C-alpha atoms as a PDB file:
ATOM      1  CA  MET A   1       0.000   0.000   0.000  1.00  0.00           C
ATOM      2  CA  SER A   2       1.405   3.384  -0.964  1.00  0.00           C
ATOM      3  CA  THR A   3       0.589   6.636   0.714  1.00  0.00           C
ATOM      4  CA  THR A   4       0.425   9.968  -1.052  1.00  0.00           C
ATOM      5  CA  ASN A   5       0.641  13.364   0.543  1.00  0.00           C
ATOM      6  CA  ASN A   6      -1.878  15.773  -0.921  1.00  0.00           C
ATOM      7  CA  THR A   7      -1.556  19.433  -0.071  1.00  0.00           C
ATOM      8  CA  PHE A   8      -4.027  22.265  -0.417  1.00  0.00           C
ATOM      9  CA  CYS A   9      -3.592  25.927   0.521  1.00  0.00           C
ATOM     10  CA  VAL A  10      -5.510  29.165  -0.102  1.00  0.00           C
ATOM     11  CA  ALA A  11      -3.905  32.534   0.601  1.00  0.00           C
ATOM     12  CA  PHE A  12      -5.508  35.961   0.116  1.00  0.00           C
ATOM     13  CA  TYR A  13      -3.394  39.051  -0.502  1.00  0.00           C
ATOM     14  CA  LEU A  14      -3.508  42.599  -1.846  1.00  0.00           C
ATOM     15  CA  LYS A  15      -1.826  43.114  -5.199  1.00  0.00           C
ATOM     16  CA  LYS A  16      -0.214  46.463  -4.438  1.00  0.00           C
ATOM     17  CA  GLN A  17       1.325  46.796  -7.917  1.00  0.00           C
ATOM     18  CA  LYS A  18      -2.200  47.464  -9.253  1.00  0.00           C
ATOM     19  CA  THR A  19      -3.173  50.159  -6.733  1.00  0.00           C
ATOM     20  CA  THR A  20      -5.621  52.721  -8.135  1.00  0.00           C
ATOM     21  CA  GLN A  21      -5.437  56.497  -7.761  1.00  0.00           C
ATOM     22  CA  ALA A  22      -7.950  56.215  -4.904  1.00  0.00           C
ATOM     23  CA  GLY A  23      -5.493  54.034  -2.979  1.00  0.00           C
ATOM     24  CA  LYS A  24      -7.406  50.769  -3.432  1.00  0.00           C
ATOM     25  CA  SER A  25      -5.712  47.483  -4.318  1.00  0.00           C
ATOM     26  CA  PRO A  26      -7.430  44.401  -5.768  1.00  0.00           C
ATOM     27  CA  ILE A  27      -7.693  41.293  -3.596  1.00  0.00           C
ATOM     28  CA  TYR A  28      -6.250  38.127  -5.108  1.00  0.00           C
ATOM     29  CA  ALA A  29      -6.385  34.499  -3.992  1.00  0.00           C
ATOM     30  CA  ARG A  30      -3.490  32.118  -4.523  1.00  0.00           C
ATOM     31  CA  ILE A  31      -4.593  28.481  -4.576  1.00  0.00           C
ATOM     32  CA  THR A  32      -1.962  25.771  -4.302  1.00  0.00           C
ATOM     33  CA  VAL A  33      -2.743  22.090  -4.821  1.00  0.00           C
ATOM     34  CA  ASN A  34       0.119  19.585  -4.678  1.00  0.00           C
ATOM     35  CA  GLY A  35       2.654  22.299  -5.465  1.00  0.00           C
ATOM     36  CA  LYS A  36       0.825  23.753  -8.479  1.00  0.00           C
ATOM     37  CA  ARG A  37      -0.270  27.380  -8.043  1.00  0.00           C
ATOM     38  CA  ILE A  38      -2.859  29.599  -9.649  1.00  0.00           C
ATOM     39  CA  GLU A  39      -3.783  33.177  -8.827  1.00  0.00           C
ATOM     40  CA  ILE A  40      -7.272  34.553  -9.284  1.00  0.00           C
ATOM     41  CA  SER A  41      -8.893  37.899  -8.593  1.00  0.00           C
ATOM     42  CA  VAL A  42     -11.805  37.829  -6.160  1.00  0.00           C
ATOM     43  CA  LYS A  43     -13.252  40.965  -7.849  1.00  0.00           C
ATOM     44  CA  ARG A  44     -13.016  43.046  -4.673  1.00  0.00           C
ATOM     45  CA  GLU A  45     -10.801  45.962  -3.661  1.00  0.00           C
ATOM     46  CA  ARG A  46      -9.463  47.174  -0.339  1.00  0.00           C
ATOM     47  CA  ILE A  47      -7.690  50.313   0.769  1.00  0.00           C
ATOM     48  CA  CYS A  48      -4.066  49.347   1.355  1.00  0.00           C
ATOM     49  CA  SER A  49      -3.016  52.449   3.307  1.00  0.00           C
ATOM     50  CA  LEU A  50      -4.000  52.599   6.971  1.00  0.00           C
ATOM     51  CA  ARG A  51      -4.308  56.370   6.801  1.00  0.00           C
ATOM     52  CA  LEU A  52      -6.716  56.192   3.853  1.00  0.00           C
ATOM     53  CA  TYR A  53      -8.599  53.326   5.497  1.00  0.00           C
ATOM     54  CA  PHE A  54      -9.285  55.346   8.644  1.00  0.00           C
ATOM     55  CA  GLU A  55     -10.189  58.451   6.636  1.00  0.00           C
ATOM     56  CA  GLU A  56     -12.793  56.477   4.688  1.00  0.00           C
ATOM     57  CA  ALA A  57     -14.123  54.801   7.834  1.00  0.00           C
ATOM     58  CA  TYR A  58     -14.451  58.229   9.493  1.00  0.00           C
ATOM     59  CA  LYS A  59     -16.405  59.594   6.510  1.00  0.00           C
ATOM     60  CA  ASP A  60     -18.722  56.563   6.495  1.00  0.00           C
ATOM     61  CA  LYS A  61     -19.368  56.863  10.227  1.00  0.00           C
ATOM     62  CA  PHE A  62     -20.221  60.546  10.213  1.00  0.00           C
ATOM     63  CA  LEU A  63     -21.668  60.709   6.678  1.00  0.00           C
ATOM     64  CA  ILE A  64     -19.446  63.569   5.622  1.00  0.00           C
END
């Protein structure tokens, strides 16, 4: 009887090379199965700067 080791991993990250003028970066997922990788966009964006993140959160909270 032989045993095989199967691996599976999903990692989410911001692709900062594609940051927009508004300071938002697209979110990508890297899926690895048995050492083979693919990267896909999850069609969402996130502010990558903490300063911009808190500025936007402040505006949303107080409806400025």
